[in-house]
Amino acid sequence: MRALVAIVFALAILASASPRVAADPNALSGHAAISFEATTPQGHIALDGAAAFERSGSLVRVDLTMLTLTDRTKGTSMPGPLPPGGYSIVYDLSSMVYTIWAPSRRVYYSGKATTPAVLPKATPSPSPSATPGSGIGSMLAELKDLRQFTLSLTLSPDKTPIEGHPTTNFDFKFTRQLKGKDPVDVTGRASFADDLGGIPVLVVVDFSSGPAGKMAANLRGSLRDVSEKPPPQTDFLTPSGYTKASSILDVIMIPGLSGSSTP
């Protein structure tokens, strides 16, 4: 599941790219990096990932090339979850068809993404506290327990270029504390490239909670080498000579699950 962090970040950038006037208004390519660190009473861990991405029309390709997990408390690295060469994924935003392959095994799998099944709604039992929209009702019910709440979004005057791109930057801050609980503080900055249709090229988020930041985390996602030049259409084709797998698990090689049916 950790591999999805870098994949989702790259897909979010590509899927939200603003249309531009060009031969292919959606053409985009570059490299993405993501890092995450967390400190808890149990220890300090760090996750680092890297990916290359391309988009042309409705086709998106993400190459997950690096993913490492380090226990900073012990100074040790866990076995890498990626095989040599990582994984490549091509997704068609229109048809929802995806293909994933592993260069190290020369196998691929194709399938179609489906929307989550809608579970039948259970008939609510009569209750004095039952209100339409239980999610909203739950949030409103917590208002009486709020002891602190702030939310701000500020346009920064800082226009420092990032990776050569002029940027528009927003600083955000969120603080929330419930009765009897430690406050939760979230701060960060999002930087959008002015010359790339507003694509976010850097996002930094800091989280802390508990006395003296007993629990803390930092997330940083960035893009580099971003280009609007249309990538070759052959980049979205499965490499020749690869064998089709019967299950996606035969491609991603999940220990103990390979060969089982795709969920």
Protein backbone atom coordinates (compact mmCIF):
# COMPACT_ATOMS: atom_id res chain seq x y z
CA MET A 1 0.00 0.00 0.00
CA ARG A 2 2.91 2.39 0.65
CA ALA A 3 3.70 2.37 -3.07
CA LEU A 4 0.35 4.03 -3.69
CA VAL A 5 1.56 7.21 -1.96
CA ALA A 6 3.91 8.17 -4.78
CA ILE A 7 1.53 6.89 -7.47
CA VAL A 8 -1.44 8.87 -6.15
CA PHE A 9 0.68 12.02 -5.88
CA ALA A 10 1.80 11.77 -9.51
CA LEU A 11 -1.69 10.85 -10.77
CA ALA A 12 -3.23 13.78 -8.90
CA ILE A 13 -0.82 16.18 -10.57
CA LEU A 14 -1.53 14.74 -14.01
CA ALA A 15 -5.28 14.43 -13.68
CA SER A 16 -5.67 17.99 -12.41
CA ALA A 17 -3.42 19.62 -15.00
CA SER A 18 -5.07 22.68 -16.50
CA PRO A 19 -5.66 22.56 -20.28
CA ARG A 20 -3.11 24.61 -22.24
CA VAL A 21 -2.98 25.84 -25.80
CA ALA A 22 -0.72 23.32 -27.54
CA ALA A 23 -0.79 20.49 -30.06
CA ASP A 24 -1.70 18.28 -27.12
CA PRO A 25 -3.23 20.50 -24.40
CA ASN A 26 -2.78 17.76 -21.81
CA ALA A 27 0.83 16.86 -22.68
CA LEU A 28 3.03 16.75 -19.61
CA SER A 29 6.04 14.84 -18.32
CA GLY A 30 8.52 15.07 -15.49
CA HIS A 31 9.70 13.52 -12.26
CA ALA A 32 8.05 13.47 -8.85
CA ALA A 33 9.60 12.96 -5.44
CA ILE A 34 7.85 12.44 -2.14
CA SER A 35 9.21 12.13 1.38
CA PHE A 36 7.44 11.45 4.66
CA GLU A 37 8.83 11.42 8.19
CA ALA A 38 6.99 10.64 11.39
CA THR A 39 8.06 10.79 15.02
CA THR A 40 5.99 9.03 17.68
CA PRO A 41 6.68 7.65 21.15
CA GLN A 42 7.44 4.36 19.38
CA GLY A 43 10.19 5.80 17.17
CA HIS A 44 11.13 7.76 14.07
CA ILE A 45 10.50 6.44 10.55
CA ALA A 46 11.09 7.90 7.09
CA LEU A 47 9.60 7.02 3.71
CA ASP A 48 11.11 8.26 0.45
CA GLY A 49 9.77 7.66 -3.05
CA ALA A 50 10.49 8.75 -6.60
CA ALA A 51 8.55 8.40 -9.84
CA ALA A 52 8.59 9.55 -13.45
CA PHE A 53 5.31 10.55 -15.09
CA GLU A 54 3.90 11.30 -18.53
CA ARG A 55 0.52 12.35 -19.86
CA SER A 56 -0.81 12.58 -23.39
CA GLY A 57 -4.51 13.08 -24.01
CA SER A 58 -6.35 10.77 -21.65
CA LEU A 59 -3.33 8.48 -21.14
CA VAL A 60 -1.24 8.71 -17.99
CA ARG A 61 1.94 6.77 -17.28
CA VAL A 62 3.70 6.56 -13.91
CA ASP A 63 7.01 4.76 -13.39
CA LEU A 64 7.55 4.07 -9.70
CA THR A 65 11.34 3.86 -9.55
CA MET A 66 12.25 4.15 -5.87
CA LEU A 67 10.62 3.51 -2.51
CA THR A 68 12.57 3.17 0.73
CA LEU A 69 11.53 2.86 4.37
CA THR A 70 14.03 3.70 7.09
CA ASP A 71 13.85 3.29 10.86
CA ARG A 72 15.70 6.44 11.90
CA THR A 73 15.58 5.40 15.56
CA LYS A 74 17.64 2.27 14.91
CA GLY A 75 19.43 3.65 11.86
CA THR A 76 18.35 0.69 9.76
CA SER A 77 16.60 0.34 6.40
CA MET A 78 13.81 -2.13 5.77
CA PRO A 79 13.94 -4.36 2.68
CA GLY A 80 12.86 -2.38 -0.38
CA PRO A 81 9.30 -3.19 -1.50
CA LEU A 82 10.18 -2.58 -5.17
CA PRO A 83 11.94 -5.03 -7.47
CA PRO A 84 14.83 -3.83 -9.68
CA GLY A 85 13.38 -1.42 -12.23
CA GLY A 86 10.28 -0.79 -10.10
CA TYR A 87 6.82 -0.84 -11.69
CA SER A 88 5.23 1.00 -14.61
CA ILE A 89 1.53 1.83 -14.76
CA VAL A 90 -0.47 3.22 -17.69
CA TYR A 91 -4.02 4.43 -17.02
CA ASP A 92 -6.61 5.70 -19.47
CA LEU A 93 -8.67 8.39 -17.75
CA SER A 94 -11.49 7.94 -20.29
CA SER A 95 -11.90 4.16 -20.40
CA MET A 96 -10.55 3.51 -16.87
CA VAL A 97 -8.39 0.71 -18.31
CA TYR A 98 -5.01 0.25 -16.65
CA THR A 99 -1.91 -1.79 -17.42
CA ILE A 100 0.90 -2.49 -14.98
CA TRP A 101 4.19 -4.21 -15.72
CA ALA A 102 7.41 -5.15 -13.94
CA PRO A 103 10.59 -4.84 -16.04
CA SER A 104 12.44 -7.26 -13.75
CA ARG A 105 9.91 -10.05 -14.46
CA ARG A 106 8.88 -9.02 -17.97
CA VAL A 107 5.21 -9.61 -17.15
CA TYR A 108 2.17 -7.33 -17.32
CA TYR A 109 -1.45 -7.27 -16.30
CA SER A 110 -4.39 -5.26 -17.70
CA GLY A 111 -7.71 -4.56 -16.07
CA LYS A 112 -10.44 -1.98 -15.71
CA ALA A 113 -10.93 0.17 -12.65
CA THR A 114 -14.42 0.14 -11.20
CA THR A 115 -16.16 2.54 -8.87
CA PRO A 116 -16.70 1.21 -5.34
CA ALA A 117 -19.93 -0.68 -4.95
CA VAL A 118 -22.64 1.29 -3.18
CA LEU A 119 -23.68 -0.59 -0.08
CA PRO A 120 -27.40 -0.74 0.65
CA LYS A 121 -28.42 1.71 3.31
CA ALA A 122 -29.61 0.12 6.50
CA THR A 123 -32.89 1.31 7.89
CA PRO A 124 -31.97 3.61 10.78
CA SER A 125 -33.32 2.68 14.17
CA PRO A 126 -35.52 5.33 15.75
CA SER A 127 -33.35 7.42 18.04
CA PRO A 128 -33.69 10.89 19.54
CA SER A 129 -30.20 11.75 18.24
CA ALA A 130 -30.72 10.49 14.70
CA THR A 131 -30.38 13.29 12.17
CA PRO A 132 -30.19 13.40 8.37
CA GLY A 133 -26.60 13.22 7.17
CA SER A 134 -24.93 11.32 10.05
CA GLY A 135 -21.45 12.51 8.98
CA ILE A 136 -22.41 16.18 9.23
CA GLY A 137 -24.39 15.48 12.37
CA SER A 138 -21.34 13.91 13.99
CA MET A 139 -19.18 16.93 13.21
CA LEU A 140 -21.80 19.32 14.51
CA ALA A 141 -22.12 17.28 17.69
CA GLU A 142 -18.40 17.84 18.37
CA LEU A 143 -18.74 21.63 18.27
CA LYS A 144 -19.59 21.75 21.97
CA ASP A 145 -16.28 20.02 22.74
CA LEU A 146 -14.11 22.43 20.72
CA ARG A 147 -11.60 24.33 22.78
CA GLN A 148 -9.54 25.71 19.90
CA PHE A 149 -10.07 26.03 16.15
CA THR A 150 -8.32 28.14 13.54
CA LEU A 151 -8.11 27.81 9.78
CA SER A 152 -6.29 30.17 7.46
CA LEU A 153 -5.16 30.33 3.83
CA THR A 154 -2.83 33.19 2.94
CA LEU A 155 -1.45 34.29 -0.41
CA SER A 156 2.29 34.70 0.10
CA PRO A 157 4.18 37.62 -1.46
CA ASP A 158 7.08 35.23 -2.03
CA LYS A 159 7.56 34.65 -5.77
CA THR A 160 10.84 32.75 -5.58
CA PRO A 161 11.16 30.45 -8.64
CA ILE A 162 11.10 26.72 -8.00
CA GLU A 163 13.01 24.53 -10.46
CA GLY A 164 13.11 27.57 -12.75
CA HIS A 165 9.34 28.15 -12.66
CA PRO A 166 7.81 31.40 -11.35
CA THR A 167 5.32 30.46 -8.65
CA THR A 168 2.24 31.58 -6.78
CA ASN A 169 2.41 30.37 -3.17
CA PHE A 170 -0.24 29.79 -0.55
CA ASP A 171 0.51 29.27 3.16
CA PHE A 172 -2.06 27.38 5.18
CA LYS A 173 -2.56 26.69 8.88
CA PHE A 174 -5.04 24.57 10.77
CA THR A 175 -5.37 24.11 14.54
CA ARG A 176 -7.99 22.05 16.30
CA GLN A 177 -8.39 20.96 19.90
CA LEU A 178 -11.22 19.06 21.54
CA LYS A 179 -12.02 18.97 25.23
CA GLY A 180 -9.57 16.70 27.03
CA LYS A 181 -7.45 16.20 23.91
CA ASP A 182 -4.11 17.55 22.78
CA PRO A 183 -4.21 20.24 20.09
CA VAL A 184 -3.48 19.22 16.50
CA ASP A 185 -1.49 21.68 14.42
CA VAL A 186 -1.07 21.49 10.64
CA THR A 187 0.92 24.06 8.68
CA GLY A 188 2.30 24.10 5.18
CA ARG A 189 2.77 25.70 1.81
CA ALA A 190 1.59 24.87 -1.69
CA SER A 191 3.48 26.34 -4.66
CA PHE A 192 1.89 26.53 -8.11
CA ALA A 193 3.87 27.07 -11.33
CA ASP A 194 2.63 30.18 -13.14
CA ASP A 195 4.06 29.05 -16.50
CA LEU A 196 2.57 25.53 -16.31
CA GLY A 197 -1.10 26.38 -15.94
CA GLY A 198 -1.01 26.37 -12.14
CA ILE A 199 0.36 22.86 -11.64
CA PRO A 200 1.55 22.38 -8.03
CA VAL A 201 5.35 21.92 -8.13
CA LEU A 202 5.93 21.82 -4.38
CA VAL A 203 3.74 20.92 -1.41
CA VAL A 204 5.07 20.87 2.15
CA VAL A 205 2.95 19.89 5.16
CA ASP A 206 3.97 19.76 8.85
CA PHE A 207 1.86 18.05 11.52
CA SER A 208 2.29 18.05 15.28
CA SER A 209 0.29 17.01 18.32
CA GLY A 210 0.85 16.42 21.99
CA PRO A 211 3.09 18.16 24.54
CA ALA A 212 6.12 19.74 22.83
CA GLY A 213 5.20 18.05 19.56
CA LYS A 214 5.25 14.53 21.02
CA MET A 215 3.87 13.31 17.73
CA ALA A 216 5.11 15.00 14.57
CA ALA A 217 5.18 14.35 10.85
CA ASN A 218 6.39 16.05 7.70
CA LEU A 219 5.28 15.47 4.13
CA ARG A 220 7.03 16.95 1.09
CA GLY A 221 6.06 16.39 -2.53
CA SER A 222 7.83 18.04 -5.45
CA LEU A 223 8.08 17.99 -9.24
CA ARG A 224 11.15 18.61 -11.43
CA ASP A 225 12.10 18.47 -15.09
CA VAL A 226 8.49 19.28 -15.99
CA SER A 227 7.91 19.59 -19.74
CA GLU A 228 4.85 20.28 -21.88
CA LYS A 229 6.40 18.51 -24.87
CA PRO A 230 4.14 15.63 -26.00
CA PRO A 231 5.71 12.28 -25.02
CA PRO A 232 6.03 9.49 -27.64
CA GLN A 233 2.83 7.44 -27.94
CA THR A 234 4.94 4.29 -27.74
CA ASP A 235 5.64 5.15 -24.09
CA PHE A 236 2.05 4.15 -23.30
CA LEU A 237 2.33 0.69 -24.88
CA THR A 238 3.31 -2.47 -23.04
CA PRO A 239 6.92 -3.34 -23.96
CA SER A 240 7.24 -6.09 -26.54
CA GLY A 241 8.21 -9.54 -25.32
CA TYR A 242 6.33 -9.27 -22.03
CA THR A 243 4.00 -12.10 -20.92
CA LYS A 244 0.47 -11.38 -19.76
CA ALA A 245 -0.13 -12.45 -16.17
CA SER A 246 -3.37 -13.98 -14.95
CA SER A 247 -3.43 -11.80 -11.84
CA ILE A 248 -2.11 -8.40 -10.88
CA LEU A 249 -0.53 -10.14 -7.88
CA ASP A 250 1.74 -12.02 -10.26
CA VAL A 251 3.14 -8.64 -11.34
CA ILE A 252 3.50 -6.88 -8.01
CA MET A 253 4.74 -10.05 -6.29
CA ILE A 254 3.03 -9.75 -2.94
CA PRO A 255 4.60 -12.46 -0.73
CA GLY A 256 2.21 -15.31 -0.07
CA LEU A 257 -0.46 -13.93 -2.40
CA SER A 258 1.03 -14.38 -5.87
CA GLY A 259 -1.26 -16.36 -8.12
CA SER A 260 -4.45 -15.58 -6.24
CA SER A 261 -7.36 -13.93 -7.98
CA THR A 262 -7.48 -10.19 -8.42
CA PRO A 263 -9.75 -8.48 -5.89
